[in-house]
Amino acid sequence: MVYEYDYLVIGSGIAGMSFALKVAGSARVAIICKTSLEEANTFLAQGGVASVTNLEVDNFAKHIDDTMVAGDQLSDRAAVEKVVTGAPEQIDFLVKHGVKFDRTPAGNYDLHREGGHSEFRILHHADNTGAEIQTSLIDEIKAHPGIDIFTDRCAIEIITQHHLGKTVTRRSPDITCYGAYVLDEASGEVDTFLSRVTVMATGGCGTVYTTTTNPLIATGDGIAMTYRAKGTVEDMEFIQFHPTALYHPGDRPNFLITEAMRGYGAVLRNINGEEFMHKYDPRLSLAPRDIVARAIDSEMKAAGSDHVYLDVTHKDPEETKRHFPNIYEKCLSLGIDITKDYIPVAPAAHYLCGGIKVDLNGESSIKRLYAVGECSCTGLHGGNRLASNSLIEAVVYADAAARHASQHIGDYELRSDVPEWNDEGTAHPEEMVLITQSMKEVNQIMSSYVGIVRSDLRLKRAWSRLDILYEETERLFKVSKPSRALCELRNLINVAYLIMRQAMARKESRGLHYTVDYPHV
């Protein structure tokens, strides 16, 4: 089947839905969801949204400086200034669309402070801010007559001149996106979605690692599709491991223990119950995430333990339960009373700072293709994301992309010569175990060799093993009818390759990329 839309949005997190709401008017908008509208990284975000709102003590300059410092001075200052100065307006946008941030009795925003921030500037809704944002925007999306929602649809490839029989290379100056081929899981058919503008909002790629806080659909789809279409992808070596995921073997994804808990006063302790952050950074438990994650990794390796502890037992129990009700209930369900017991935690893959390279308008190197949210590389995060900067980046860039696309959409026409997906001569894979086992191998390779601490030798070993998986999977894809599992495996291998290759190219330790062969001087 062929669908025609003005805007095709692939992904349903805060970035994709914000964009859709901003452009939907007289235009027709389609949102493609791999599962449901609810399943996105946004929904799992606990901490909050960073924005300068308390002007008595805070200002844009402080937020900009904090972001640059956390990013190890690798952040694009223009992108940083754009997000920081544009944040208050987009907070208003979220509030207008139903998001209820917590407030003090006096009516002001109840602000948290997180690692790397010099002031209290994190707006939140208890400890489930992402869920509050996601559900509020979903209500608006469903009520909008100009937005069509397609669930259980897996995008396979974006459509470019390549599909029209023309040769496309990374040096081609005019690569253009005309839409996407999308698998309908219910029917098994691949539909053609034609659009004037396509927006990647597919989130991150945390499931490339064994332990991750991301939902299991975070397989780097948009990044892999854009890379295969010869688009520019940058900074993939900068994978942020959240220092404090709840350690509970067998859980995947791992439950996040928000950084706001450390801002609240929680203290990190090793397996022997001893504080240790003073050995690594004067900011102690509120140091930036890359430093805290490496410190925890070092303590675990030194002790031969699988986890460390987060201690909040010295705080007022009722206040703790009021600030972190979901964390309290989750831990209690596992027999851990956080008001009395230490919380076992360990680092887990959490956020990708790189992705599809975009300009200040959110436009990628491929014409008519925008990227917003975690799948994009705006330059804001540099070598390491400052806590709670990601959700606000998603809305600010969704706004920029919506403004730019709206100004130019009248210049674009739908292509009428795009061929339908050709699966002639293919069949359903006989052994799903081939796909699931390859998935496990990718996870093992990345966790063992391309994790928090890297080396040239480990990266070379990852290269040789990923190369075998790539060849096997491409052969399987060519003879198989598309399935979500096969597409996800293919995308994970592409993303793993990009992380590994770009890590090999960076001959220094900066931000989240730490290698024993080029340690900090």
Protein backbone atom coordinates (compact mmCIF):
# COMPACT_ATOMS: atom_id res chain seq x y z
CA MET A 1 0.00 0.00 0.00
CA VAL A 2 1.13 3.56 -0.71
CA TYR A 3 0.52 6.39 1.77
CA GLU A 4 1.07 10.07 1.03
CA TYR A 5 1.76 12.71 3.68
CA ASP A 6 3.25 16.16 3.98
CA TYR A 7 5.26 15.08 7.03
CA LEU A 8 6.38 11.60 7.99
CA VAL A 9 7.61 11.34 11.60
CA ILE A 10 9.39 8.11 12.49
CA GLY A 11 9.29 7.76 16.27
CA SER A 12 6.93 8.80 19.05
CA GLY A 13 9.00 10.24 21.90
CA ILE A 14 9.04 13.85 23.05
CA ALA A 15 10.93 14.96 19.92
CA GLY A 16 8.68 13.32 17.34
CA MET A 17 5.41 14.26 19.02
CA SER A 18 6.51 17.85 19.66
CA PHE A 19 7.41 18.23 15.99
CA ALA A 20 4.09 16.74 14.88
CA LEU A 21 2.08 19.09 17.09
CA LYS A 22 4.03 22.09 15.85
CA VAL A 23 3.50 21.39 12.11
CA ALA A 24 0.03 19.87 12.16
CA GLY A 25 -2.47 22.41 10.95
CA SER A 26 -3.48 22.32 7.35
CA ALA A 27 -0.67 19.79 6.76
CA ARG A 28 -1.15 16.02 6.95
CA VAL A 29 1.18 14.29 9.40
CA ALA A 30 1.90 10.59 9.93
CA ILE A 31 3.60 9.22 13.05
CA ILE A 32 5.17 5.78 12.73
CA CYS A 33 5.55 3.81 16.00
CA LYS A 34 7.47 0.54 16.15
CA THR A 35 5.17 -0.65 18.94
CA SER A 36 2.85 1.83 20.66
CA LEU A 37 2.87 5.58 21.26
CA GLU A 38 3.79 4.96 24.89
CA GLU A 39 6.96 2.94 24.32
CA ALA A 40 9.82 5.43 24.01
CA ASN A 41 12.90 6.51 25.92
CA THR A 42 10.98 9.62 26.99
CA PHE A 43 8.52 7.55 29.01
CA LEU A 44 11.34 6.09 31.15
CA ALA A 45 13.07 9.40 31.90
CA GLN A 46 12.92 10.04 35.63
CA GLY A 47 15.03 13.09 36.42
CA GLY A 48 13.53 16.04 34.60
CA VAL A 49 14.08 18.92 32.20
CA ALA A 50 16.86 21.49 32.58
CA SER A 51 15.90 25.13 32.12
CA VAL A 52 16.84 28.44 33.68
CA THR A 53 13.71 29.56 35.52
CA ASN A 54 14.89 30.89 38.90
CA LEU A 55 16.39 34.17 37.73
CA GLU A 56 17.23 35.26 41.28
CA VAL A 57 20.21 32.89 41.38
CA ASP A 58 20.48 31.34 37.92
CA ASN A 59 21.14 32.63 34.39
CA PHE A 60 21.83 31.42 30.84
CA ALA A 61 25.59 31.94 31.18
CA LYS A 62 25.78 29.49 34.09
CA HIS A 63 23.77 26.83 32.23
CA ILE A 64 25.90 27.31 29.11
CA ASP A 65 29.12 26.99 31.11
CA ASP A 66 27.89 23.88 32.93
CA THR A 67 27.02 22.27 29.59
CA MET A 68 30.40 23.10 28.03
CA VAL A 69 32.28 21.76 31.08
CA ALA A 70 30.27 18.52 31.16
CA GLY A 71 30.86 18.07 27.42
CA ASP A 72 34.64 18.32 27.97
CA GLN A 73 34.64 21.52 25.86
CA LEU A 74 33.70 19.47 22.77
CA SER A 75 30.16 20.87 22.60
CA ASP A 76 29.18 23.16 19.75
CA ARG A 77 28.70 26.48 21.54
CA ALA A 78 26.11 27.68 19.03
CA ALA A 79 23.99 24.59 19.73
CA VAL A 80 24.46 25.02 23.49
CA GLU A 81 23.34 28.66 23.36
CA LYS A 82 20.38 27.73 21.17
CA VAL A 83 19.09 25.10 23.59
CA VAL A 84 19.77 27.01 26.81
CA THR A 85 18.20 30.28 25.64
CA GLY A 86 15.31 28.52 23.92
CA ALA A 87 14.48 26.31 26.89
CA PRO A 88 12.06 28.59 28.81
CA GLU A 89 9.82 29.06 25.75
CA GLN A 90 9.63 25.30 25.23
CA ILE A 91 8.86 24.71 28.90
CA ASP A 92 5.86 26.96 28.31
CA PHE A 93 4.98 24.83 25.26
CA LEU A 94 4.99 21.66 27.36
CA VAL A 95 2.91 23.26 30.12
CA LYS A 96 0.44 24.54 27.52
CA HIS A 97 0.08 20.96 26.27
CA GLY A 98 -0.76 19.56 29.69
CA VAL A 99 2.54 18.75 31.36
CA LYS A 100 2.33 19.35 35.11
CA PHE A 101 5.72 20.06 36.64
CA ASP A 102 5.92 19.95 40.44
CA ARG A 103 5.62 23.29 42.21
CA THR A 104 6.36 24.63 45.68
CA PRO A 105 3.54 25.77 48.00
CA ALA A 106 4.30 29.31 46.81
CA GLY A 107 3.57 28.28 43.21
CA ASN A 108 7.14 28.34 41.88
CA TYR A 109 8.71 25.37 40.11
CA ASP A 110 10.13 22.84 42.59
CA LEU A 111 13.65 22.62 41.16
CA HIS A 112 16.11 19.75 41.58
CA ARG A 113 19.86 19.85 41.13
CA GLU A 114 21.76 17.10 39.34
CA GLY A 115 25.40 16.22 38.64
CA GLY A 116 27.35 18.92 36.79
CA HIS A 117 24.77 21.67 37.42
CA SER A 118 25.89 24.71 39.40
CA GLU A 119 22.32 25.61 40.36
CA PHE A 120 18.94 24.03 41.06
CA ARG A 121 17.32 24.16 37.61
CA ILE A 122 15.73 20.76 36.95
CA LEU A 123 11.96 20.88 36.48
CA HIS A 124 10.35 17.54 37.27
CA HIS A 125 7.17 15.63 38.02
CA ALA A 126 8.02 13.48 41.09
CA ASP A 127 10.47 10.88 39.76
CA ASN A 128 8.56 10.05 36.56
CA THR A 129 8.91 13.25 34.53
CA GLY A 130 9.21 11.42 31.22
CA ALA A 131 5.97 9.53 31.75
CA GLU A 132 4.17 12.78 32.58
CA ILE A 133 5.47 14.40 29.37
CA GLN A 134 4.78 11.35 27.21
CA THR A 135 1.20 10.82 28.38
CA SER A 136 0.38 14.54 28.14
CA LEU A 137 1.63 14.77 24.55
CA ILE A 138 -0.08 11.51 23.60
CA ASP A 139 -3.43 12.96 24.66
CA GLU A 140 -2.79 15.99 22.44
CA ILE A 141 -1.62 13.86 19.50
CA LYS A 142 -4.64 11.55 19.62
CA ALA A 143 -7.02 14.51 19.74
CA HIS A 144 -5.46 16.26 16.72
CA PRO A 145 -7.39 15.68 13.47
CA GLY A 146 -4.36 16.37 11.28
CA ILE A 147 -2.20 13.59 12.75
CA ASP A 148 -2.51 9.92 11.80
CA ILE A 149 -0.90 7.34 14.07
CA PHE A 150 0.48 4.04 12.74
CA THR A 151 1.40 1.57 15.48
CA ASP A 152 3.32 -1.71 15.18
CA ARG A 153 5.13 -0.41 12.11
CA CYS A 154 8.86 -0.88 11.64
CA ALA A 155 10.67 1.46 9.24
CA ILE A 156 13.09 -0.53 7.09
CA GLU A 157 14.79 2.07 4.87
CA ILE A 158 14.36 5.69 3.91
CA ILE A 159 13.71 6.23 0.21
CA THR A 160 16.33 8.13 -1.80
CA GLN A 161 17.57 8.29 -5.40
CA HIS A 162 19.16 4.91 -4.74
CA HIS A 163 15.71 3.32 -4.94
CA LEU A 164 15.10 5.08 -8.26
CA GLY A 165 18.07 3.29 -9.82
CA LYS A 166 20.62 6.07 -9.38
CA THR A 167 24.07 5.63 -7.86
CA VAL A 168 24.42 7.33 -4.48
CA THR A 169 27.72 7.68 -2.61
CA ARG A 170 28.80 9.57 0.52
CA ARG A 171 30.15 12.26 -1.79
CA SER A 172 26.85 12.77 -3.62
CA PRO A 173 25.84 16.40 -2.98
CA ASP A 174 22.11 16.09 -3.51
CA ILE A 175 20.92 12.97 -1.71
CA THR A 176 17.21 13.51 -1.05
CA CYS A 177 14.71 11.65 1.13
CA TYR A 178 11.27 10.95 -0.38
CA GLY A 179 9.79 8.92 2.47
CA ALA A 180 10.33 5.42 3.84
CA TYR A 181 9.56 1.76 3.36
CA VAL A 182 7.68 0.58 6.45
CA LEU A 183 6.86 -2.95 7.59
CA ASP A 184 3.31 -3.56 8.81
CA GLU A 185 3.84 -6.28 11.41
CA ALA A 186 0.19 -7.35 11.36
CA SER A 187 0.08 -8.09 7.64
CA GLY A 188 3.75 -8.74 7.01
CA GLU A 189 3.60 -6.36 4.06
CA VAL A 190 6.00 -3.50 3.40
CA ASP A 191 4.15 -0.26 2.71
CA THR A 192 5.50 2.81 0.93
CA PHE A 193 5.16 6.08 2.85
CA LEU A 194 5.80 9.05 0.57
CA SER A 195 6.36 12.44 2.18
CA ARG A 196 7.52 15.94 1.43
CA VAL A 197 9.49 16.00 4.68
CA THR A 198 10.69 13.06 6.78
CA VAL A 199 11.73 13.36 10.42
CA MET A 200 13.84 10.81 12.28
CA ALA A 201 12.86 10.72 15.94
CA THR A 202 13.79 7.11 16.61
CA GLY A 203 15.68 7.57 19.89
CA GLY A 204 18.92 5.95 20.96
CA CYS A 205 20.64 2.59 20.72
CA GLY A 206 21.08 1.39 24.30
CA THR A 207 20.16 -2.21 23.46
CA VAL A 208 23.44 -2.57 21.60
CA TYR A 209 24.76 -3.31 25.13
CA THR A 210 23.76 -6.12 27.49
CA THR A 211 22.76 -3.77 30.31
CA THR A 212 20.76 -0.67 29.45
CA THR A 213 18.09 1.61 30.86
CA ASN A 214 16.58 2.02 27.37
CA PRO A 215 13.41 0.24 26.24
CA LEU A 216 14.22 -2.81 24.14
CA ILE A 217 13.03 -1.05 20.97
CA ALA A 218 16.02 1.36 21.20
CA THR A 219 18.00 -0.33 18.45
CA GLY A 220 19.40 2.72 16.67
CA ASP A 221 17.04 2.34 13.71
CA GLY A 222 17.05 5.94 12.47
CA ILE A 223 20.83 6.24 12.73
CA ALA A 224 21.39 2.97 10.86
CA MET A 225 18.88 3.86 8.11
CA THR A 226 20.44 7.28 7.63
CA TYR A 227 23.96 5.84 7.54
CA ARG A 228 22.95 3.24 4.94
CA ALA A 229 21.43 6.08 2.90
CA LYS A 230 24.89 7.74 2.97
CA GLY A 231 23.96 10.41 5.54
CA THR A 232 26.50 11.84 7.99
CA VAL A 233 26.71 10.27 11.47
CA GLU A 234 29.06 11.69 14.11
CA ASP A 235 30.25 11.34 17.73
CA MET A 236 29.05 7.75 18.12
CA GLU A 237 31.95 6.96 20.44
CA PHE A 238 30.32 9.04 23.16
CA ILE A 239 28.00 6.55 24.88
CA GLN A 240 26.79 7.69 28.27
CA PHE A 241 26.53 4.97 30.88
CA HIS A 242 24.22 6.03 33.66
CA PRO A 243 26.17 5.42 36.87
CA THR A 244 23.24 4.22 38.95
CA ALA A 245 20.95 1.66 37.38
CA LEU A 246 19.31 -0.67 39.87
CA TYR A 247 21.32 -3.88 40.05
CA HIS A 248 18.88 -6.74 39.72
CA PRO A 249 20.18 -9.58 37.53
CA GLY A 250 17.77 -10.63 34.82
CA ASP A 251 16.14 -7.22 34.38
CA ARG A 252 16.33 -5.77 30.87
CA PRO A 253 15.92 -2.88 30.58
CA ASN A 254 17.49 -1.96 33.89
CA PHE A 255 15.48 0.24 36.24
CA LEU A 256 17.00 3.71 36.54
CA ILE A 257 17.85 5.30 39.87
CA THR A 258 17.66 8.96 38.92
CA GLU A 259 20.62 11.27 39.38
CA ALA A 260 18.25 13.57 41.25
CA MET A 261 18.60 11.19 44.17
CA ARG A 262 22.29 12.10 44.42
CA GLY A 263 21.32 15.74 44.09
CA TYR A 264 18.96 15.11 46.99
CA GLY A 265 21.87 13.88 49.11
CA ALA A 266 22.35 10.16 48.41
CA VAL A 267 25.94 8.92 48.80
CA LEU A 268 27.79 6.28 46.79
CA ARG A 269 29.46 3.48 48.76
CA ASN A 270 31.50 0.48 47.64
CA ILE A 271 30.65 -3.14 48.35
CA ASN A 272 32.20 -2.75 51.83
CA GLY A 273 29.97 0.22 52.62
CA GLU A 274 32.78 2.78 52.30
CA GLU A 275 32.43 6.14 50.54
CA PHE A 276 34.79 6.40 47.59
CA MET A 277 34.00 9.36 45.33
CA HIS A 278 36.49 11.59 47.17
CA LYS A 279 39.23 9.54 45.49
CA TYR A 280 38.01 10.53 42.03
CA ASP A 281 36.54 14.03 42.03
CA PRO A 282 36.04 16.93 44.48
CA ARG A 283 32.38 17.13 43.42
CA LEU A 284 31.94 13.67 44.97
CA SER A 285 28.67 11.95 43.99
CA LEU A 286 27.58 15.00 41.97
CA ALA A 287 30.47 14.83 39.50
CA PRO A 288 29.48 14.49 35.82
CA ARG A 289 28.24 11.08 34.77
CA ASP A 290 31.33 9.96 32.88
CA ILE A 291 33.50 10.45 35.96
CA VAL A 292 31.03 8.76 38.31
CA ALA A 293 30.50 5.80 35.97
CA ARG A 294 34.26 5.21 35.62
CA ALA A 295 34.71 5.56 39.38
CA ILE A 296 32.06 2.92 40.01
CA ASP A 297 33.55 0.69 37.31
CA SER A 298 36.97 1.03 38.99
CA GLU A 299 35.59 0.19 42.44
CA MET A 300 33.72 -2.84 41.12
CA LYS A 301 36.81 -4.18 39.36
CA ALA A 302 39.03 -3.57 42.38
CA ALA A 303 36.66 -5.46 44.68
CA GLY A 304 35.54 -8.06 42.14
CA SER A 305 31.92 -7.03 42.77
CA ASP A 306 28.95 -6.72 40.42
CA HIS A 307 27.67 -3.52 41.98
CA VAL A 308 28.17 -0.72 44.49
CA TYR A 309 25.60 0.95 46.74
CA LEU A 310 23.65 4.19 46.82
CA ASP A 311 22.85 5.25 50.37
CA VAL A 312 19.91 7.55 51.11
CA THR A 313 19.16 6.14 54.58
CA HIS A 314 20.38 9.30 56.36
CA LYS A 315 17.62 11.43 54.79
CA ASP A 316 14.13 11.91 56.20
CA PRO A 317 12.14 8.76 55.25
CA GLU A 318 8.86 10.51 54.49
CA GLU A 319 10.57 13.17 52.39
CA THR A 320 12.43 10.47 50.46
CA LYS A 321 9.20 8.61 49.72
CA ARG A 322 7.53 11.85 48.63
CA HIS A 323 10.35 12.82 46.24
CA PHE A 324 10.94 9.34 44.80
CA PRO A 325 7.70 7.36 45.04
CA ASN A 326 8.32 5.14 42.02
CA ILE A 327 11.87 4.26 43.04
CA TYR A 328 10.64 3.53 46.57
CA GLU A 329 7.89 1.18 45.31
CA LYS A 330 10.14 -0.56 42.76
CA CYS A 331 12.87 -1.25 45.33
CA LEU A 332 10.34 -2.30 47.96
CA SER A 333 8.94 -4.88 45.51
CA LEU A 334 12.42 -6.43 45.52
CA GLY A 335 12.73 -6.39 49.29
CA ILE A 336 14.76 -3.17 49.49
CA ASP A 337 13.43 -0.39 51.72
CA ILE A 338 15.47 2.60 50.52
CA THR A 339 14.77 4.50 53.75
CA LYS A 340 16.61 1.73 55.68
CA ASP A 341 18.65 -0.25 53.13
CA TYR A 342 21.41 0.59 50.67
CA ILE A 343 20.37 0.43 47.01
CA PRO A 344 22.55 -1.88 44.85
CA VAL A 345 23.50 -0.02 41.66
CA ALA A 346 25.78 -0.46 38.63
CA PRO A 347 26.37 1.51 35.41
CA ALA A 348 24.19 0.75 32.36
CA ALA A 349 24.13 2.12 28.81
CA HIS A 350 21.81 5.09 28.98
CA TYR A 351 22.25 7.80 26.35
CA LEU A 352 23.90 8.36 22.98
CA CYS A 353 25.52 11.79 22.62
CA GLY A 354 26.19 11.34 18.90
CA GLY A 355 23.96 10.33 16.02
CA ILE A 356 22.69 11.81 12.76
CA LYS A 357 24.56 15.07 12.24
CA VAL A 358 22.18 18.02 11.98
CA ASP A 359 22.53 21.79 11.67
CA LEU A 360 20.86 24.41 13.85
CA ASN A 361 17.58 23.77 12.00
CA GLY A 362 17.66 20.05 12.73
CA GLU A 363 18.34 19.27 9.06
CA SER A 364 20.58 16.31 8.23
CA SER A 365 23.06 16.04 5.36
CA ILE A 366 20.26 14.40 3.34
CA LYS A 367 17.82 16.91 1.88
CA ARG A 368 14.27 16.86 3.24
CA LEU A 369 15.39 14.64 6.14
CA TYR A 370 15.45 16.08 9.66
CA ALA A 371 16.55 14.37 12.86
CA VAL A 372 15.47 15.34 16.37
CA GLY A 373 15.95 13.88 19.82
CA GLU A 374 18.47 11.26 20.83
CA CYS A 375 19.03 9.90 17.31
CA SER A 376 20.43 13.30 16.28
CA CYS A 377 23.83 14.85 16.88
CA THR A 378 23.23 18.57 17.37
CA GLY A 379 26.58 19.21 19.03
CA LEU A 380 24.93 20.14 22.33
CA HIS A 381 26.36 17.27 24.35
CA GLY A 382 29.90 17.15 23.03
CA GLY A 383 31.83 14.45 24.87
CA ASN A 384 29.27 13.97 27.64
CA ARG A 385 25.63 14.96 28.18
CA LEU A 386 24.85 17.20 31.12
CA ALA A 387 22.03 15.65 33.15
CA SER A 388 18.48 16.58 32.04
CA ASN A 389 19.66 18.46 28.94
CA SER A 390 18.29 15.85 26.54
CA LEU A 391 14.54 16.32 26.93
CA ILE A 392 14.81 20.08 26.49
CA GLU A 393 17.14 19.63 23.50
CA ALA A 394 14.48 17.43 21.89
CA VAL A 395 11.77 20.09 22.17
CA VAL A 396 14.00 23.04 21.18
CA TYR A 397 15.21 21.26 18.05
CA ALA A 398 11.75 19.94 17.24
CA ASP A 399 10.66 23.57 17.25
CA ALA A 400 13.58 24.63 15.04
CA ALA A 401 12.96 21.79 12.59
CA ALA A 402 9.23 22.54 12.49
CA ARG A 403 9.86 26.21 11.73
CA HIS A 404 12.39 25.46 9.00
CA ALA A 405 10.40 22.64 7.39
CA SER A 406 7.19 24.70 7.40
CA GLN A 407 8.94 27.47 5.50
CA HIS A 408 10.16 25.11 2.78
CA ILE A 409 7.55 22.38 2.47
CA GLY A 410 5.82 24.24 -0.35
CA ASP A 411 8.98 23.78 -2.43
CA TYR A 412 8.75 19.98 -2.32
CA GLU A 413 6.63 17.56 -4.34
CA LEU A 414 5.76 13.95 -3.66
CA ARG A 415 7.57 11.53 -5.97
CA SER A 416 5.29 9.49 -8.19
CA ASP A 417 8.00 7.17 -9.52
CA VAL A 418 9.03 5.38 -6.33
CA PRO A 419 8.86 1.59 -6.82
CA GLU A 420 7.15 -0.62 -4.27
CA TRP A 421 9.29 -2.79 -1.98
CA ASN A 422 10.56 -5.82 -3.90
CA ASP A 423 10.77 -9.02 -1.88
CA GLU A 424 10.60 -11.40 -4.83
CA GLY A 425 12.53 -14.59 -4.20
CA THR A 426 12.66 -14.14 -0.42
CA ALA A 427 11.23 -16.30 2.35
CA HIS A 428 10.68 -16.15 6.09
CA PRO A 429 13.82 -17.23 7.99
CA GLU A 430 13.47 -20.86 9.06
CA GLU A 431 15.52 -20.48 12.23
CA MET A 432 14.81 -17.46 14.43
CA VAL A 433 17.59 -18.71 16.70
CA LEU A 434 20.08 -17.33 14.15
CA ILE A 435 18.75 -13.81 14.76
CA THR A 436 18.41 -14.04 18.54
CA GLN A 437 21.87 -15.58 18.93
CA SER A 438 23.43 -12.87 16.75
CA MET A 439 21.72 -10.24 18.93
CA LYS A 440 23.32 -11.77 22.02
CA GLU A 441 26.70 -11.80 20.30
CA VAL A 442 26.45 -8.10 19.44
CA ASN A 443 25.59 -7.32 23.07
CA GLN A 444 28.49 -9.40 24.35
CA ILE A 445 31.02 -7.88 21.93
CA MET A 446 30.00 -4.30 22.72
CA SER A 447 29.82 -4.81 26.49
CA SER A 448 33.18 -6.59 26.63
CA TYR A 449 35.21 -4.49 24.20
CA VAL A 450 33.49 -1.12 23.61
CA GLY A 451 32.18 -0.28 27.08
CA ILE A 452 33.08 2.28 29.74
CA VAL A 453 36.84 1.61 29.42
CA ARG A 454 38.34 0.80 26.01
CA SER A 455 41.69 -0.02 24.40
CA ASP A 456 43.04 -0.36 20.87
CA LEU A 457 43.26 -4.12 21.30
CA ARG A 458 39.67 -4.43 22.51
CA LEU A 459 38.39 -2.29 19.63
CA LYS A 460 40.29 -4.36 17.06
CA ARG A 461 38.79 -7.50 18.53
CA ALA A 462 35.33 -5.94 18.28
CA TRP A 463 36.05 -5.08 14.64
CA SER A 464 36.88 -8.65 13.62
CA ARG A 465 33.88 -10.15 15.39
CA LEU A 466 31.39 -7.55 14.19
CA ASP A 467 32.61 -7.99 10.62
CA ILE A 468 31.58 -11.66 10.67
CA LEU A 469 28.14 -10.82 12.08
CA TYR A 470 27.67 -8.06 9.49
CA GLU A 471 28.37 -10.39 6.55
CA GLU A 472 26.11 -13.13 7.94
CA THR A 473 23.24 -10.73 8.61
CA GLU A 474 23.39 -8.98 5.24
CA ARG A 475 23.27 -12.38 3.48
CA LEU A 476 20.27 -13.34 5.59
CA PHE A 477 18.51 -10.02 4.93
CA LYS A 478 18.85 -10.40 1.14
CA VAL A 479 17.08 -13.76 1.07
CA SER A 480 14.51 -13.12 3.80
CA LYS A 481 11.17 -11.39 4.02
CA PRO A 482 11.63 -8.42 6.37
CA SER A 483 10.76 -8.92 10.02
CA ARG A 484 11.13 -6.54 12.93
CA ALA A 485 13.69 -8.83 14.61
CA LEU A 486 15.85 -9.05 11.49
CA CYS A 487 15.66 -5.29 10.87
CA GLU A 488 16.61 -4.57 14.48
CA LEU A 489 19.58 -6.94 14.30
CA ARG A 490 20.76 -5.30 11.10
CA ASN A 491 20.45 -1.85 12.64
CA LEU A 492 22.22 -2.87 15.86
CA ILE A 493 25.17 -4.21 13.89
CA ASN A 494 25.38 -0.98 11.87
CA VAL A 495 25.29 1.11 15.03
CA ALA A 496 27.81 -1.11 16.83
CA TYR A 497 30.14 -0.71 13.86
CA LEU A 498 29.80 3.08 13.96
CA ILE A 499 30.50 3.24 17.71
CA MET A 500 33.53 1.00 17.33
CA ARG A 501 34.95 2.76 14.24
CA GLN A 502 34.55 6.26 15.64
CA ALA A 503 36.04 5.12 18.96
CA MET A 504 39.06 3.79 17.05
CA ALA A 505 39.47 7.13 15.29
CA ARG A 506 39.61 9.15 18.53
CA LYS A 507 43.20 8.85 19.75
CA GLU A 508 42.56 10.48 23.12
CA SER A 509 40.43 10.12 26.21
CA ARG A 510 37.73 12.77 26.16
CA GLY A 511 34.38 12.84 27.87
CA LEU A 512 32.64 9.48 27.73
CA HIS A 513 35.35 7.91 25.55
CA TYR A 514 38.08 6.57 27.81
CA THR A 515 40.90 4.44 26.44
CA VAL A 516 43.81 3.00 28.41
CA ASP A 517 46.07 3.60 25.40
CA TYR A 518 45.47 7.37 25.47
CA PRO A 519 44.68 8.22 29.10
CA HIS A 520 44.19 11.76 30.35
CA VAL A 521 47.52 13.53 30.74
